[in-house]
Amino acid sequence: MREIEFYRTASGRCPVEEFLDTLSDKQAEKILWVLRLVKSLDPVPRQYFKLLSDTDGIWEVRVKLGGDIFRLLGFFARPQLIVLTHGFAKKTQKTSRKEIVIAQHRRKDYLERRN
């Protein structure tokens, strides 16, 4: 079973929690349901969890609810520990480079502060 941790900034902010707070109860519940799948299924179906190509280890949790598409980006800090850096509503076919850069920056920050 995998563990999921939400990234926290040096000042204690949690971008994933802040994102979840902007959603309706139904949207947040669906995201939490998908996170439970990511934690417990092995392997996780690609429709819910996928390595992003050309990102050096950034993964996306994929959530669809009706016409809404949400993504949470993160990385593996250890073989069974996924650290989610932030979430967003996806509006285009491809995940924006800006979102990937945010995840990469937060991974670097997380790993530097842990060592």
Protein backbone atom coordinates (compact mmCIF):
# COMPACT_ATOMS: atom_id res chain seq x y z
CA MET A 1 0.00 0.00 0.00
CA ARG A 2 1.27 3.45 -0.92
CA GLU A 3 1.34 6.50 1.29
CA ILE A 4 0.27 9.92 0.04
CA GLU A 5 1.63 13.10 1.57
CA PHE A 6 0.70 16.67 0.67
CA TYR A 7 3.63 19.01 0.05
CA ARG A 8 3.98 21.90 2.49
CA THR A 9 5.94 25.05 1.82
CA ALA A 10 8.65 26.18 4.23
CA SER A 11 6.07 28.56 5.72
CA GLY A 12 3.58 25.73 6.26
CA ARG A 13 1.13 26.38 3.39
CA CYS A 14 -0.38 23.30 1.76
CA PRO A 15 -1.24 23.95 -1.91
CA VAL A 16 -3.21 20.69 -2.27
CA GLU A 17 -5.45 21.51 0.71
CA GLU A 18 -5.91 25.05 -0.62
CA PHE A 19 -6.95 23.62 -3.99
CA LEU A 20 -9.39 21.14 -2.42
CA ASP A 21 -10.96 23.99 -0.42
CA THR A 22 -11.92 25.73 -3.70
CA LEU A 23 -13.95 22.74 -4.93
CA SER A 24 -17.52 21.67 -4.31
CA ASP A 25 -18.08 18.84 -1.83
CA LYS A 26 -18.84 16.44 -4.68
CA GLN A 27 -15.65 17.36 -6.56
CA ALA A 28 -13.48 17.03 -3.44
CA GLU A 29 -15.11 13.68 -2.59
CA LYS A 30 -14.32 12.32 -6.07
CA ILE A 31 -10.69 13.43 -5.76
CA LEU A 32 -10.39 11.75 -2.35
CA TRP A 33 -11.95 8.58 -3.80
CA VAL A 34 -9.32 8.52 -6.57
CA LEU A 35 -6.55 9.13 -4.00
CA ARG A 36 -7.77 6.04 -2.11
CA LEU A 37 -7.45 4.04 -5.36
CA VAL A 38 -3.92 5.34 -5.90
CA LYS A 39 -3.02 4.30 -2.35
CA SER A 40 -4.47 0.80 -2.53
CA LEU A 41 -4.43 -0.55 -6.12
CA ASP A 42 -1.38 -2.17 -7.64
CA PRO A 43 -1.10 -1.38 -10.43
CA VAL A 44 -3.21 1.77 -10.55
CA PRO A 45 -5.14 2.09 -13.85
CA ARG A 46 -3.66 4.79 -16.12
CA GLN A 47 -6.98 6.59 -16.18
CA TYR A 48 -6.28 7.56 -12.54
CA PHE A 49 -2.49 7.74 -12.23
CA LYS A 50 0.11 8.34 -14.91
CA LEU A 51 3.77 9.27 -15.25
CA LEU A 52 4.05 12.44 -17.33
CA SER A 53 6.47 12.06 -20.22
CA ASP A 54 9.56 14.30 -20.39
CA THR A 55 9.23 15.42 -16.76
CA ASP A 56 11.90 13.49 -14.84
CA GLY A 57 9.52 11.69 -12.53
CA ILE A 58 6.41 13.88 -12.21
CA TRP A 59 3.20 11.87 -11.90
CA GLU A 60 -0.38 13.03 -12.23
CA VAL A 61 -3.46 11.88 -10.37
CA ARG A 62 -6.27 12.10 -12.91
CA VAL A 63 -9.84 12.86 -11.88
CA LYS A 64 -12.88 13.38 -14.10
CA LEU A 65 -16.30 14.32 -12.80
CA GLY A 66 -18.91 15.10 -15.41
CA GLY A 67 -17.37 17.72 -17.67
CA ASP A 68 -14.75 18.73 -15.11
CA ILE A 69 -11.19 17.41 -15.23
CA PHE A 70 -8.82 17.81 -12.31
CA ARG A 71 -5.16 16.96 -11.88
CA LEU A 72 -2.92 16.64 -8.86
CA LEU A 73 0.79 16.52 -9.63
CA GLY A 74 3.44 14.89 -7.51
CA PHE A 75 6.47 12.62 -7.28
CA PHE A 76 7.74 9.55 -5.48
CA ALA A 77 9.93 10.58 -2.52
CA ARG A 78 10.43 6.90 -1.63
CA PRO A 79 9.26 3.75 -3.39
CA GLN A 80 5.89 3.77 -1.60
CA LEU A 81 5.56 7.50 -0.77
CA ILE A 82 3.91 9.89 -3.20
CA VAL A 83 4.17 13.60 -2.41
CA LEU A 84 1.47 15.64 -4.14
CA THR A 85 2.61 19.19 -4.87
CA HIS A 86 -0.57 20.92 -6.06
CA GLY A 87 -3.84 20.54 -7.94
CA PHE A 88 -5.65 22.37 -10.70
CA ALA A 89 -8.62 22.19 -13.03
CA LYS A 90 -7.44 21.04 -16.43
CA LYS A 91 -8.78 23.04 -19.34
CA THR A 92 -6.57 21.89 -22.24
CA GLN A 93 -5.64 18.51 -23.73
CA LYS A 94 -2.04 18.66 -22.55
CA THR A 95 -0.87 19.40 -19.00
CA SER A 96 0.57 22.90 -19.03
CA ARG A 97 4.34 23.26 -18.80
CA LYS A 98 3.77 25.88 -16.06
CA GLU A 99 2.10 23.27 -13.83
CA ILE A 100 4.92 20.77 -14.44
CA VAL A 101 7.54 23.40 -13.55
CA ILE A 102 5.70 24.13 -10.28
CA ALA A 103 5.76 20.41 -9.41
CA GLN A 104 9.47 20.13 -10.26
CA HIS A 105 10.34 23.18 -8.18
CA ARG A 106 8.38 21.87 -5.19
CA ARG A 107 9.99 18.42 -5.53
CA LYS A 108 13.43 20.05 -5.40
CA ASP A 109 12.40 22.13 -2.36
CA TYR A 110 10.90 19.10 -0.59
CA LEU A 111 13.96 16.92 -1.13
CA GLU A 112 16.40 19.68 -0.09
CA ARG A 113 14.48 20.31 3.14
CA ARG A 114 14.27 16.58 3.93
CA ASN A 115 18.03 16.00 3.56
